[in-house]
Protein backbone atom coordinates (compact mmCIF):
# COMPACT_ATOMS: atom_id res chain seq x y z
CA MET A 1 -17.66 -9.53 -66.53
CA ALA A 2 -15.40 -10.58 -63.67
CA GLN A 3 -14.42 -7.76 -61.35
CA PRO A 4 -10.66 -7.00 -61.27
CA GLN A 5 -8.95 -8.43 -58.19
CA PRO A 6 -6.19 -6.86 -56.08
CA THR A 7 -2.74 -8.34 -56.53
CA LEU A 8 -0.56 -9.51 -53.67
CA ALA A 9 1.97 -6.81 -54.53
CA GLN A 10 -0.73 -4.16 -54.18
CA LEU A 11 -1.86 -5.54 -50.83
CA ARG A 12 1.73 -5.69 -49.56
CA ALA A 13 2.22 -2.07 -50.63
CA LEU A 14 -0.88 -0.94 -48.73
CA VAL A 15 0.08 -2.87 -45.59
CA GLY A 16 3.59 -1.40 -45.79
CA VAL A 17 2.16 2.12 -45.92
CA ALA A 18 -0.13 1.30 -42.99
CA ASP A 19 2.80 -0.01 -40.95
CA HIS A 20 5.12 2.94 -41.58
CA ARG A 21 2.68 5.80 -42.32
CA HIS A 22 5.29 7.00 -44.78
CA PHE A 23 5.78 6.07 -48.45
CA GLY A 24 9.55 6.34 -48.36
CA ARG A 25 10.03 4.15 -45.29
CA ALA A 26 7.45 1.67 -46.55
CA ALA A 27 9.25 1.40 -49.89
CA THR A 28 12.56 0.79 -48.13
CA SER A 29 11.07 -1.97 -45.97
CA LEU A 30 9.63 -3.68 -49.06
CA HIS A 31 12.85 -3.22 -51.09
CA VAL A 32 11.12 -1.31 -53.89
CA SER A 33 11.37 2.25 -55.13
CA GLN A 34 8.97 4.86 -53.77
CA PRO A 35 7.38 5.46 -57.22
CA THR A 36 6.77 1.70 -57.54
CA LEU A 37 5.11 1.62 -54.13
CA SER A 38 2.97 4.69 -54.86
CA SER A 39 1.90 3.21 -58.19
CA ALA A 40 0.89 -0.06 -56.51
CA VAL A 41 -1.28 1.74 -53.93
CA ALA A 42 -2.85 3.91 -56.63
CA ALA A 43 -3.53 0.85 -58.79
CA LEU A 44 -5.23 -0.83 -55.82
CA GLU A 45 -7.44 2.21 -55.33
CA ARG A 46 -8.39 2.16 -59.01
CA THR A 47 -9.11 -1.58 -58.86
CA LEU A 48 -11.39 -1.19 -55.86
CA GLY A 49 -12.85 2.13 -56.94
CA ILE A 50 -12.32 3.76 -53.53
CA GLN A 51 -9.78 5.96 -51.80
CA LEU A 52 -7.65 4.06 -49.28
CA VAL A 53 -4.95 6.57 -48.37
CA GLU A 54 -5.03 10.28 -47.52
CA ARG A 55 -1.80 11.88 -48.69
CA THR A 56 -0.71 15.09 -46.96
CA THR A 57 2.56 17.00 -46.98
CA ARG A 58 3.43 15.80 -43.48
CA SER A 59 1.89 12.38 -43.00
CA VAL A 60 0.04 9.50 -44.55
CA LEU A 61 -3.35 8.53 -43.19
CA LEU A 62 -5.66 5.64 -44.03
CA THR A 63 -9.31 6.20 -44.73
CA PRO A 64 -11.74 4.21 -42.55
CA VAL A 65 -12.31 1.68 -45.32
CA GLY A 66 -8.56 1.62 -45.90
CA GLU A 67 -8.04 0.55 -42.28
CA GLU A 68 -10.56 -2.28 -42.71
CA ILE A 69 -8.94 -3.47 -45.91
CA VAL A 70 -5.50 -3.44 -44.26
CA GLN A 71 -6.76 -5.78 -41.54
CA ARG A 72 -8.10 -8.22 -44.11
CA ALA A 73 -4.99 -7.87 -46.24
CA ARG A 74 -2.83 -8.93 -43.29
CA GLY A 75 -4.79 -12.15 -43.05
CA VAL A 76 -4.51 -12.78 -46.78
CA LEU A 77 -0.77 -12.13 -46.82
CA GLY A 78 -0.28 -14.25 -43.72
CA ALA A 79 -2.08 -17.14 -45.40
CA VAL A 80 0.03 -16.75 -48.54
CA ASP A 81 3.20 -16.71 -46.42
CA ASP A 82 1.98 -19.88 -44.71
CA ILE A 83 1.74 -21.54 -48.12
CA ALA A 84 5.29 -20.55 -48.94
CA GLN A 85 6.53 -21.71 -45.55
CA LEU A 86 4.73 -25.02 -45.99
CA ALA A 87 6.90 -25.69 -49.01
CA VAL A 88 10.00 -24.74 -46.99
CA ARG A 89 8.94 -27.09 -44.21
CA ALA A 90 8.53 -29.91 -46.70
CA ARG A 91 12.21 -29.54 -47.55
CA ALA A 92 13.54 -29.29 -43.99
CA PRO A 93 11.96 -28.85 -40.54
CA LEU A 94 12.40 -25.53 -38.77
CA SER A 95 13.98 -23.85 -41.77
CA GLY A 96 13.25 -20.43 -43.21
CA ASP A 97 11.86 -17.34 -41.51
CA ILE A 98 10.08 -17.66 -38.16
CA ARG A 99 8.38 -14.44 -37.09
CA LEU A 100 8.38 -14.55 -33.31
CA GLY A 101 6.81 -11.98 -31.02
CA VAL A 102 7.97 -11.79 -27.39
CA ILE A 103 6.56 -9.90 -24.40
CA PRO A 104 8.88 -7.34 -22.71
CA THR A 105 9.01 -9.22 -19.39
CA VAL A 106 10.52 -12.22 -21.19
CA ALA A 107 12.57 -10.89 -24.12
CA PRO A 108 15.59 -9.28 -22.38
CA TYR A 109 16.02 -12.11 -19.89
CA LEU A 110 15.42 -15.28 -21.90
CA LEU A 111 16.50 -14.46 -25.46
CA PRO A 112 20.16 -13.52 -24.85
CA GLN A 113 20.61 -16.84 -23.05
CA LEU A 114 18.53 -18.95 -25.40
CA LEU A 115 19.26 -17.69 -28.91
CA PRO A 116 22.93 -18.79 -29.15
CA SER A 117 21.90 -22.35 -28.30
CA LEU A 118 19.05 -22.34 -30.80
CA ARG A 119 21.27 -20.93 -33.54
CA ALA A 120 23.83 -23.66 -32.91
CA ARG A 121 21.20 -26.42 -32.90
CA ARG A 122 19.03 -25.08 -35.73
CA PRO A 123 21.15 -22.82 -37.97
CA GLU A 124 18.63 -23.16 -40.80
CA ALA A 125 15.94 -21.39 -38.74
CA ARG A 126 15.91 -17.60 -39.14
CA LEU A 127 14.17 -15.93 -36.22
CA ARG A 128 12.61 -12.52 -36.90
CA LEU A 129 11.91 -11.00 -33.49
CA ARG A 130 9.30 -8.47 -32.41
CA GLU A 131 8.93 -7.24 -28.82
CA ALA A 132 5.52 -5.91 -27.77
CA GLN A 133 2.82 -6.27 -25.15
CA THR A 134 0.51 -9.26 -25.17
CA SER A 135 -2.51 -7.59 -26.81
CA ALA A 136 -0.42 -6.31 -29.73
CA LEU A 137 1.27 -9.68 -30.23
CA LEU A 138 -2.04 -11.55 -30.27
CA GLU A 139 -3.51 -9.09 -32.77
CA GLU A 140 -0.50 -9.53 -35.06
CA LEU A 141 -0.64 -13.30 -34.58
CA ARG A 142 -4.32 -13.40 -35.59
CA GLY A 143 -3.64 -11.08 -38.52
CA GLY A 144 -0.76 -13.16 -39.86
CA SER A 145 2.08 -10.70 -39.18
CA LEU A 146 3.57 -13.15 -36.67
CA ASP A 147 3.95 -16.92 -36.75
CA LEU A 148 4.35 -17.35 -33.01
CA ALA A 149 4.15 -15.39 -29.78
CA LEU A 150 6.19 -16.12 -26.66
CA LEU A 151 4.08 -14.95 -23.75
CA ALA A 152 2.30 -15.83 -20.52
CA LEU A 153 -0.30 -18.60 -20.71
CA PRO A 154 -3.16 -19.12 -20.96
CA THR A 155 -4.18 -16.60 -23.60
CA ASP A 156 -7.85 -17.70 -23.72
CA GLU A 157 -7.82 -16.53 -27.33
CA PRO A 158 -10.14 -18.19 -29.89
CA GLY A 159 -8.25 -19.76 -32.77
CA VAL A 160 -4.96 -19.80 -30.85
CA ALA A 161 -3.21 -22.96 -29.66
CA GLU A 162 -0.55 -23.05 -26.95
CA LEU A 163 2.65 -24.96 -26.22
CA PRO A 164 3.84 -24.55 -22.60
CA LEU A 165 7.59 -24.11 -22.13
CA TYR A 166 8.43 -23.29 -18.52
CA ASP A 167 7.18 -22.08 -15.16
CA GLU A 168 8.87 -19.34 -13.15
CA ASP A 169 8.24 -18.06 -9.63
CA PHE A 170 7.66 -14.43 -8.75
CA VAL A 171 10.44 -12.91 -6.66
CA LEU A 172 10.06 -9.99 -4.26
CA VAL A 173 12.56 -7.15 -4.79
CA THR A 174 13.33 -4.93 -1.79
CA PRO A 175 15.88 -2.30 -0.80
CA VAL A 176 18.99 -3.99 0.55
CA ASP A 177 18.27 -2.78 4.11
CA HIS A 178 14.60 -3.85 4.13
CA PRO A 179 13.49 -6.29 6.91
CA MET A 180 12.41 -8.86 4.29
CA ALA A 181 15.62 -8.60 2.23
CA GLY A 182 17.15 -12.03 1.64
CA SER A 183 14.22 -13.91 3.17
CA ALA A 184 13.29 -17.34 1.87
CA ALA A 185 9.94 -19.11 1.99
CA LEU A 186 7.95 -15.98 2.80
CA PRO A 187 4.20 -16.48 3.04
CA VAL A 188 2.37 -14.39 0.45
CA SER A 189 0.41 -12.91 3.35
CA SER A 190 3.60 -11.14 4.47
CA LEU A 191 2.85 -8.58 1.74
CA CYS A 192 -0.36 -7.52 3.50
CA GLY A 193 -0.46 -3.74 3.83
CA ARG A 194 2.75 -3.24 1.80
CA ASP A 195 3.09 -0.81 -1.09
CA LEU A 196 3.98 -2.57 -4.35
CA LEU A 197 5.21 -0.91 -7.53
CA LEU A 198 3.71 -2.38 -10.71
CA LEU A 199 4.03 -2.03 -14.46
CA GLU A 200 1.69 0.21 -16.41
CA ASP A 201 -1.49 -1.02 -18.06
CA GLY A 202 -1.08 -3.39 -20.99
CA HIS A 203 1.58 -5.67 -19.49
CA CYS A 204 0.28 -9.13 -18.67
CA PHE A 205 2.72 -9.27 -15.77
CA ARG A 206 0.87 -6.33 -14.23
CA ALA A 207 -2.36 -8.34 -14.16
CA GLN A 208 -0.55 -11.31 -12.62
CA ALA A 209 1.06 -9.13 -9.94
CA LEU A 210 -2.30 -7.52 -9.17
CA ASP A 211 -3.70 -10.98 -8.50
CA VAL A 212 -0.95 -11.50 -5.92
CA CYS A 213 -1.73 -8.10 -4.37
CA ARG A 214 -5.39 -8.98 -4.02
CA GLU A 215 -4.58 -12.35 -2.49
CA ALA A 216 -2.10 -10.88 0.00
CA GLY A 217 -3.89 -7.63 0.81
CA ALA A 218 -1.07 -5.50 -0.60
CA ARG A 219 -1.55 -2.05 -2.14
CA GLU A 220 -0.40 -0.73 -5.50
CA ARG A 221 1.35 2.63 -5.62
CA SER A 222 -0.68 3.61 -8.67
CA ALA A 223 0.98 7.02 -9.01
CA LEU A 224 4.33 5.37 -9.71
CA ARG A 225 3.67 2.90 -12.50
CA ALA A 226 6.52 2.20 -14.90
CA ALA A 227 6.94 0.95 -18.46
CA SER A 228 9.69 -1.58 -17.68
CA LEU A 229 10.95 -3.82 -14.90
CA SER A 230 14.30 -1.99 -15.05
CA THR A 231 12.61 1.28 -14.09
CA ILE A 232 10.61 -0.34 -11.31
CA VAL A 233 13.60 -1.94 -9.60
CA GLN A 234 15.41 1.40 -9.63
CA MET A 235 12.39 2.92 -7.91
CA VAL A 236 12.65 0.16 -5.31
CA ALA A 237 16.34 1.01 -4.81
CA GLY A 238 15.21 4.58 -4.19
CA GLY A 239 13.02 3.46 -1.31
CA LEU A 240 9.70 4.05 -3.06
CA GLY A 241 8.26 0.61 -2.37
CA LEU A 242 8.64 -3.07 -3.18
CA THR A 243 7.97 -4.95 -6.40
CA LEU A 244 7.57 -8.41 -7.89
CA ILE A 245 9.59 -9.61 -10.87
CA PRO A 246 9.76 -12.96 -12.67
CA ALA A 247 12.61 -15.19 -11.52
CA ALA A 248 14.31 -15.08 -14.93
CA ALA A 249 14.76 -11.31 -14.57
CA VAL A 250 16.69 -11.44 -11.29
CA GLY A 251 20.13 -11.94 -12.83
CA VAL A 252 19.74 -8.88 -15.05
CA GLU A 253 17.80 -6.49 -12.82
CA VAL A 254 19.17 -7.22 -9.32
CA GLY A 255 22.93 -7.14 -8.99
CA GLU A 256 25.60 -6.23 -6.47
CA GLY A 257 26.06 -2.55 -5.76
CA ARG A 258 22.54 -1.56 -6.82
CA GLY A 259 21.11 -1.34 -3.32
CA LEU A 260 18.65 -4.16 -4.02
CA ALA A 261 17.89 -7.55 -2.53
CA THR A 262 15.40 -10.34 -3.22
CA ALA A 263 13.12 -12.57 -1.21
CA THR A 264 11.36 -15.76 -2.25
CA PHE A 265 7.97 -17.20 -1.33
CA ARG A 266 7.05 -20.53 0.18
CA ASP A 267 4.98 -23.00 -1.84
CA PRO A 268 2.54 -22.57 -3.34
CA ALA A 269 4.55 -19.57 -4.50
CA PRO A 270 3.03 -17.15 -7.01
CA ARG A 271 4.28 -18.06 -10.47
CA ARG A 272 3.45 -17.85 -14.15
CA ARG A 273 3.69 -20.17 -17.13
CA ILE A 274 5.43 -19.05 -20.32
CA GLY A 275 4.83 -20.69 -23.67
CA LEU A 276 4.38 -20.35 -27.40
CA ALA A 277 1.07 -19.39 -28.98
CA TYR A 278 0.24 -19.97 -32.64
CA ARG A 279 -2.77 -19.93 -34.96
CA THR A 280 -4.69 -23.20 -35.03
CA THR A 281 -4.84 -22.79 -38.81
CA SER A 282 -1.05 -22.67 -39.16
CA ALA A 283 0.42 -25.12 -41.65
CA ARG A 284 3.56 -25.46 -39.51
CA VAL A 285 2.23 -27.00 -36.31
CA ALA A 286 4.87 -29.74 -36.46
CA ASP A 287 7.58 -27.08 -36.70
CA TRP A 288 6.23 -25.14 -33.73
CA THR A 289 6.07 -28.34 -31.68
CA LEU A 290 9.69 -29.07 -32.59
CA LEU A 291 10.75 -25.52 -31.72
CA ALA A 292 9.04 -25.79 -28.33
CA ALA A 293 10.91 -29.05 -27.68
CA GLU A 294 14.22 -27.41 -28.65
CA ILE A 295 13.57 -24.52 -26.25
CA ARG A 296 12.67 -26.83 -23.37
CA GLU A 297 15.83 -28.85 -23.95
CA ALA A 298 18.00 -25.73 -24.07
CA LEU A 299 16.56 -24.10 -20.92
CA PRO A 300 18.77 -25.89 -18.37
CA GLY A 301 21.86 -24.50 -20.11
CA THR A 302 20.68 -20.90 -19.75
CA GLY A 303 21.20 -20.78 -15.99
CA LEU A 304 17.81 -19.12 -15.52
CA GLU A 305 15.73 -20.04 -12.48
CA VAL A 306 12.89 -21.56 -14.47
CA THR A 307 11.33 -25.02 -14.60
CA PRO A 308 10.72 -26.60 -18.03
CA VAL A 309 7.27 -28.17 -18.29
CA PRO A 310 6.47 -31.37 -20.20
CA ALA A 311 5.14 -31.21 -23.72
CA PRO A 312 1.34 -31.58 -23.95
CA GLU A 313 0.21 -35.12 -24.66
CA ARG A 314 -1.88 -34.01 -27.61
CA ILE A 315 -0.95 -31.29 -30.08
CA PRO A 316 -3.92 -29.67 -31.89
CA ALA A 317 -3.96 -30.52 -35.58
CA PRO A 318 -4.19 -27.66 -38.10
CA VAL A 319 -7.74 -26.58 -38.87
CA GLY A 320 -8.95 -27.00 -42.43
């Protein structure tokens, strides 16, 4: 006798509970009633013959095996969504939902400038945005919760392909009365012995800034780490040290009347490359290539101090 199989609705219900740790909020996100959601999770437990969820009066917890099944369910649901999106793509390129994750050191600076242009050029594309650190975005990308991630390259992640978009220099932020304020073409070695304020662990920009510190002989003020670039530049304004920010962030974070100034580095200046990452198994590689081209074309109109990079000569074909 064939063993009963979980349904997609049951798997979506379990993943919803895992995401929200609350039956009511999970039901709302899935546009079903709470009794319907509870019944689906209970039916899944009966089908599998194991307990997946611990229900308490205050919270919802997953059992260890429930956590494992959620991870696999994300992959299954992501693959099913890919099938549906493949049909959408067959009707029109870059149409339908595009679940895009963006790192925090890119999202507030690029998206407000870029999204209006993309909406005007591709109104049929519906971007669903998620801001998180690199490790979380890559996990969700592998698991199928995201279609794409906009982050610093390279990711060096197995099963992930990359489409470079632009390069941006690192800019030094100083108090307005600092000796290096307003300098141009600074050698990186000028940071030797200086105290630099950096982001907390988990931000890829922290690792990139640490590389600059090591090269220049600068020191990190480890007791003053911050969760955002906005916080760090305010600490600089307070005279607590200097910091590095990506060039695209200057217009937002460093303005008149804030007691801040910038300085730039001579070539080869420290910089990073930003691009799109996607699963090599994605059925929409052609769409992601087209989206990358649209972004590169729109970048000059954003006014951001970034340099679009050419498209790669060869785009990896979907696996399978």
